Protein backbone atom coordinates (compact mmCIF):
# COMPACT_ATOMS: atom_id res chain seq x y z
CA MET A 1 8.22 -3.48 22.33
CA LYS A 2 10.57 -3.00 24.24
CA PRO A 3 13.86 -3.22 26.06
CA ALA A 4 13.23 -2.98 29.79
CA ALA A 5 13.44 -5.01 32.97
CA PRO A 6 11.31 -8.15 32.69
CA LEU A 7 7.73 -7.47 33.65
CA ALA A 8 5.46 -9.69 35.69
CA LEU A 9 2.38 -10.29 33.58
CA PRO A 10 -0.99 -10.25 35.35
CA VAL A 11 -1.68 -13.56 37.04
CA ALA A 12 -5.04 -13.74 35.31
CA LEU A 13 -3.40 -13.51 31.89
CA LEU A 14 -0.81 -16.15 32.72
CA LEU A 15 -3.55 -18.48 33.87
CA LEU A 16 -5.54 -17.86 30.73
CA VAL A 17 -2.74 -18.54 28.27
CA GLY A 18 -1.68 -21.64 30.12
CA ALA A 19 -5.05 -23.00 31.18
CA ALA A 20 -5.96 -25.22 28.24
CA PRO A 21 -4.16 -28.32 27.00
CA VAL A 22 -2.29 -28.00 23.71
CA VAL A 23 -4.02 -29.60 20.73
CA GLN A 24 -3.35 -29.86 17.02
CA ALA A 25 -6.72 -29.51 15.37
CA ARG A 26 -9.47 -30.14 17.90
CA THR A 27 -10.79 -27.78 20.50
CA THR A 28 -10.78 -28.22 24.25
CA PRO A 29 -14.00 -28.33 26.31
CA ARG A 30 -16.40 -25.42 26.00
CA THR A 31 -15.27 -23.95 29.32
CA SER A 32 -11.73 -23.25 28.06
CA LEU A 33 -10.14 -21.71 25.01
CA PRO A 34 -8.43 -23.94 22.47
CA VAL A 35 -4.65 -23.84 22.40
CA TYR A 36 -2.95 -24.83 19.15
CA ARG A 37 0.64 -25.80 18.48
CA PRO A 38 1.74 -24.76 14.97
CA VAL A 39 2.98 -27.39 12.51
CA VAL A 40 6.25 -26.30 10.89
CA VAL A 41 6.35 -26.85 7.11
CA SER A 42 9.58 -24.98 6.35
CA ARG A 43 12.34 -22.93 7.93
CA LEU A 44 13.71 -19.80 6.32
CA PRO A 45 16.71 -17.65 7.31
CA HIS A 46 16.21 -14.47 9.32
CA ASP A 47 18.67 -11.71 10.18
CA PRO A 48 19.77 -12.56 13.76
CA ALA A 49 20.60 -8.90 14.39
CA ALA A 50 17.06 -7.70 13.57
CA PHE A 51 15.10 -6.58 16.65
CA THR A 52 11.83 -7.39 14.93
CA GLU A 53 8.89 -5.11 15.66
CA GLY A 54 6.86 -5.35 12.46
CA PHE A 55 6.45 -8.22 10.01
CA GLU A 56 4.23 -8.48 6.92
CA LEU A 57 4.24 -10.26 3.56
CA ALA A 58 2.86 -8.24 0.64
CA GLY A 59 3.29 -8.91 -3.07
CA GLY A 60 5.77 -11.69 -2.38
CA VAL A 61 8.03 -9.31 -0.46
CA LEU A 62 8.60 -9.56 3.28
CA TYR A 63 8.44 -6.15 4.95
CA GLU A 64 10.10 -5.88 8.34
CA GLY A 65 10.33 -3.08 10.88
CA THR A 66 13.09 -3.11 13.48
CA GLY A 67 13.40 -1.36 16.82
CA LEU A 68 15.95 0.05 19.25
CA GLU A 69 17.21 3.61 19.02
CA GLY A 70 19.96 3.85 16.46
CA GLN A 71 19.02 0.47 14.97
CA SER A 72 15.43 1.13 13.89
CA GLY A 73 14.31 1.01 10.30
CA VAL A 74 12.18 -0.61 7.65
CA ARG A 75 13.36 -3.10 5.07
CA ARG A 76 12.21 -5.11 2.08
CA VAL A 77 13.44 -8.66 2.58
CA ALA A 78 13.89 -11.54 0.14
CA LEU A 79 11.80 -14.32 1.65
CA ASP A 80 14.00 -17.21 0.53
CA SER A 81 17.33 -15.77 1.71
CA GLY A 82 16.30 -13.50 4.57
CA LYS A 83 18.58 -10.81 3.13
CA PRO A 84 17.38 -7.19 2.93
CA MET A 85 16.90 -6.01 -0.64
CA GLN A 86 16.39 -2.45 0.51
CA MET A 87 16.62 -0.67 3.87
CA ARG A 88 15.55 2.71 5.19
CA THR A 89 16.25 4.39 8.53
CA PRO A 90 13.52 6.56 10.05
CA PRO A 91 13.31 10.12 8.73
CA VAL A 92 13.59 11.43 12.31
CA ALA A 93 16.69 10.54 14.32
CA GLY A 94 16.45 8.86 17.71
CA VAL A 95 13.06 7.19 17.30
CA PHE A 96 12.31 3.59 18.25
CA GLY A 97 10.66 1.83 15.31
CA GLU A 98 7.65 -0.40 15.87
CA GLY A 99 4.92 -2.14 13.85
CA VAL A 100 4.62 -1.93 10.06
CA SER A 101 1.87 -2.66 7.55
CA VAL A 102 1.42 -2.33 3.77
CA LEU A 103 -1.88 -0.96 2.47
CA ASN A 104 -2.70 0.60 -0.92
CA GLY A 105 0.95 0.55 -1.99
CA GLN A 106 2.08 2.41 1.12
CA LEU A 107 4.21 1.09 3.98
CA PHE A 108 3.22 2.46 7.39
CA GLU A 109 5.63 2.42 10.34
CA LEU A 110 4.81 3.20 13.97
CA THR A 111 7.21 4.51 16.60
CA TRP A 112 7.18 3.49 20.24
CA GLN A 113 7.05 6.73 22.25
CA SER A 114 7.58 9.48 19.67
CA GLY A 115 3.93 9.71 18.59
CA LEU A 116 4.95 9.56 14.92
CA ALA A 117 3.84 7.26 12.13
CA PHE A 118 5.87 7.37 8.93
CA VAL A 119 4.48 6.51 5.50
CA TYR A 120 6.68 5.23 2.67
CA ASP A 121 6.17 4.13 -0.89
CA ALA A 122 6.21 0.34 -0.47
CA ALA A 123 8.25 -0.20 -3.66
CA THR A 124 10.95 2.43 -3.06
CA LEU A 125 10.80 3.14 0.71
CA LYS A 126 10.73 6.86 -0.12
CA GLU A 127 8.83 8.81 2.55
CA THR A 128 5.44 10.01 1.33
CA GLY A 129 3.94 11.33 4.56
CA ARG A 130 3.74 11.18 8.33
CA PHE A 131 1.11 11.38 11.04
CA ARG A 132 1.02 12.20 14.75
CA TYR A 133 -0.90 10.17 17.31
CA ASP A 134 -1.32 10.07 21.07
CA GLY A 135 0.10 7.32 23.24
CA GLU A 136 2.51 4.55 22.36
CA GLY A 137 2.82 2.60 19.12
CA TRP A 138 3.31 -1.18 19.26
CA GLY A 139 1.80 -3.41 16.56
CA LEU A 140 0.23 -2.60 13.19
CA THR A 141 -1.71 -4.52 10.54
CA ASN A 142 -4.67 -3.88 8.23
CA ASP A 143 -7.93 -5.54 7.21
CA GLY A 144 -7.68 -4.45 3.57
CA THR A 145 -9.44 -1.14 4.23
CA GLN A 146 -8.22 0.29 7.53
CA LEU A 147 -5.11 0.06 9.65
CA ILE A 148 -5.34 -1.80 12.97
CA MET A 149 -3.01 -0.68 15.76
CA SER A 150 -2.04 -1.77 19.27
CA ASP A 151 -0.46 0.40 21.95
CA GLY A 152 0.52 -2.10 24.66
CA SER A 153 -2.85 -1.95 26.38
CA ASP A 154 -5.87 -4.22 25.91
CA THR A 155 -7.16 -2.06 23.04
CA LEU A 156 -7.07 -2.51 19.26
CA THR A 157 -7.69 0.68 17.29
CA TRP A 158 -8.81 0.98 13.66
CA ARG A 159 -7.37 4.02 11.83
CA ASP A 160 -8.05 5.65 8.47
CA PRO A 161 -4.94 5.15 6.26
CA LEU A 162 -5.42 8.56 4.64
CA THR A 163 -5.73 10.62 7.84
CA PHE A 164 -4.76 8.23 10.66
CA ALA A 165 -7.98 9.26 12.38
CA ILE A 166 -9.48 6.72 14.78
CA LYS A 167 -12.51 4.98 13.29
CA LYS A 168 -13.27 2.48 16.07
CA SER A 169 -11.66 0.50 18.86
CA VAL A 170 -12.32 -2.76 20.72
CA LYS A 171 -11.18 -4.09 24.08
CA VAL A 172 -9.48 -7.49 23.90
CA THR A 173 -10.57 -10.08 26.46
CA ALA A 174 -10.06 -13.78 27.09
CA GLN A 175 -12.83 -15.49 29.05
CA GLY A 176 -13.90 -12.08 30.35
CA MET A 177 -10.42 -10.93 31.45
CA PRO A 178 -8.52 -8.09 29.71
CA VAL A 179 -5.53 -9.12 27.60
CA THR A 180 -2.77 -6.49 27.60
CA ASN A 181 0.69 -6.27 26.00
CA LEU A 182 -0.73 -6.81 22.52
CA ASN A 183 2.37 -6.50 20.36
CA GLU A 184 3.05 -7.43 16.72
CA LEU A 185 -0.20 -7.91 14.77
CA GLU A 186 -1.41 -9.72 11.66
CA TYR A 187 -4.82 -9.92 10.03
CA ALA A 188 -5.43 -13.39 8.57
CA GLY A 189 -8.48 -15.53 7.96
CA GLY A 190 -10.78 -12.84 9.33
CA TRP A 191 -8.94 -12.80 12.69
CA VAL A 192 -6.41 -10.48 14.26
CA TRP A 193 -3.39 -12.42 15.51
CA ALA A 194 -1.34 -10.74 18.24
CA ASN A 195 1.94 -11.64 19.89
CA ILE A 196 1.58 -11.17 23.65
CA TRP A 197 4.79 -9.48 24.77
CA LEU A 198 7.09 -11.52 27.03
CA THR A 199 5.08 -14.71 26.46
CA THR A 200 5.22 -17.53 23.93
CA LYS A 201 1.53 -17.16 23.13
CA ILE A 202 -0.18 -15.57 20.13
CA ALA A 203 -3.83 -14.56 20.57
CA ARG A 204 -6.39 -15.16 17.84
CA ILE A 205 -8.87 -12.32 18.23
CA ASP A 206 -12.36 -11.77 16.82
CA PRO A 207 -12.11 -8.22 15.42
CA LYS A 208 -15.83 -7.59 15.94
CA THR A 209 -15.97 -8.44 19.64
CA GLY A 210 -12.35 -8.31 20.77
CA LYS A 211 -12.70 -11.78 22.27
CA VAL A 212 -9.74 -14.15 22.10
CA THR A 213 -11.03 -17.27 20.38
CA ALA A 214 -7.85 -19.37 20.60
CA TRP A 215 -4.20 -19.28 21.61
CA LEU A 216 -1.26 -20.29 19.47
CA ASP A 217 1.53 -21.79 21.57
CA VAL A 218 4.95 -21.11 19.97
CA SER A 219 7.09 -22.22 22.92
CA GLU A 220 8.75 -25.00 20.88
CA LEU A 221 9.74 -22.51 18.17
CA SER A 222 11.11 -20.16 20.82
CA ARG A 223 13.24 -22.92 22.32
CA GLU A 224 14.59 -23.89 18.91
CA ALA A 225 15.46 -20.28 18.10
CA ALA A 226 17.21 -19.88 21.46
CA SER A 227 19.21 -23.06 20.91
CA ASP A 228 20.29 -21.95 17.45
CA THR A 229 21.26 -18.55 18.83
CA GLN A 230 23.45 -20.20 21.45
CA LYS A 231 25.06 -22.44 18.83
CA ALA A 232 25.93 -19.29 16.88
CA GLY A 233 27.83 -17.97 19.90
CA ARG A 234 25.37 -15.52 21.46
CA THR A 235 23.42 -15.97 24.67
CA PRO A 236 19.73 -15.06 24.19
CA THR A 237 18.34 -12.35 26.45
CA PHE A 238 14.89 -12.13 28.02
CA ASP A 239 13.64 -9.88 25.22
CA ASP A 240 14.58 -12.20 22.34
CA VAL A 241 10.88 -13.03 22.37
CA PRO A 242 8.45 -14.20 19.69
CA ASN A 243 7.42 -11.10 17.77
CA GLY A 244 6.54 -11.42 14.14
CA VAL A 245 3.46 -12.85 12.40
CA ALA A 246 3.05 -12.57 8.63
CA TYR A 247 0.39 -14.28 6.53
CA ASN A 248 1.25 -16.06 3.28
CA LYS A 249 -2.19 -15.92 1.74
CA ALA A 250 -1.20 -17.92 -1.34
CA ARG A 251 -0.13 -20.89 0.82
CA GLY A 252 -2.49 -20.43 3.77
CA THR A 253 0.45 -20.38 6.19
CA LEU A 254 1.82 -18.07 8.84
CA LEU A 255 5.42 -16.89 8.95
CA LEU A 256 6.57 -16.63 12.57
CA THR A 257 9.78 -15.16 13.96
CA GLY A 258 11.06 -13.21 16.94
CA LYS A 259 13.45 -10.50 17.99
CA ARG A 260 16.99 -11.48 16.96
CA TRP A 261 15.83 -14.96 15.96
CA PRO A 262 17.91 -16.66 13.25
CA THR A 263 14.87 -18.35 11.71
CA VAL A 264 11.49 -17.61 10.17
CA PHE A 265 9.17 -20.58 10.70
CA GLU A 266 6.50 -21.22 8.08
CA VAL A 267 3.67 -22.96 9.89
CA ARG A 268 0.19 -24.30 9.40
CA VAL A 269 -2.50 -23.69 11.99
CA PRO A 270 -6.10 -24.93 12.18
CA GLY A 271 -8.65 -22.72 10.46
CA LEU A 272 -6.33 -21.03 7.96
CA ALA A 273 -6.41 -21.99 4.31
CA ALA A 274 -4.98 -20.57 1.11
CA GLY A 275 -6.84 -17.59 -0.30
CA GLN A 276 -8.59 -16.53 2.91
């Protein structure tokens, strides 16, 4: 999501994501949620023209979904160079691409308002199927068995990868308040990580309860990306926001980027270790 006029996020959400002091590896008092600042271990190139909507590392290949009508698509990206090895536009013209996830050798791609999910062979990007769903499509990930989807609301929905049927859903809350605008998703370390659209916060969510257990503050990464964008001769816009979380399971790190960012940041965060 989504090119539009800037939205005013609910005051309650803004208070929640900004309420706790930033820490590296220790938690804040019991009455507040911990807020972590990621530690950058490497910087990798990213296509500065990519309006990133989906981001996932599988089999050593970075899979990326891009948005905007006429610019949407899926791609297999070389992690070290940031260059697409293979690209595919949506099988239906005029759709706005959204979240992607790889499960059982298949690459799934959501669309924003078209109610269509496309399925591709992950190795060739050849279409192998498609599904219809109600509502909007935003973020997508998987827990190794089922797909997990967001739609811009405070709800995460688990779907069967063979039928796209809804298996369960949970409401996401932080200290009892609903958390909406759940965007790009990643499943890592037993948690669901979700970019919160138009903020520099990533929520770490307990998939069983829907409760946010911590926030990841990526404001420093966002400022660096904006500065590098300006140095390259383009003025960042309000929607060049953080949106891209991929898990490097072999290294126990997260790969973070944003829409039209020139960089992928490999970071370490508390509680994630290799092999989880």
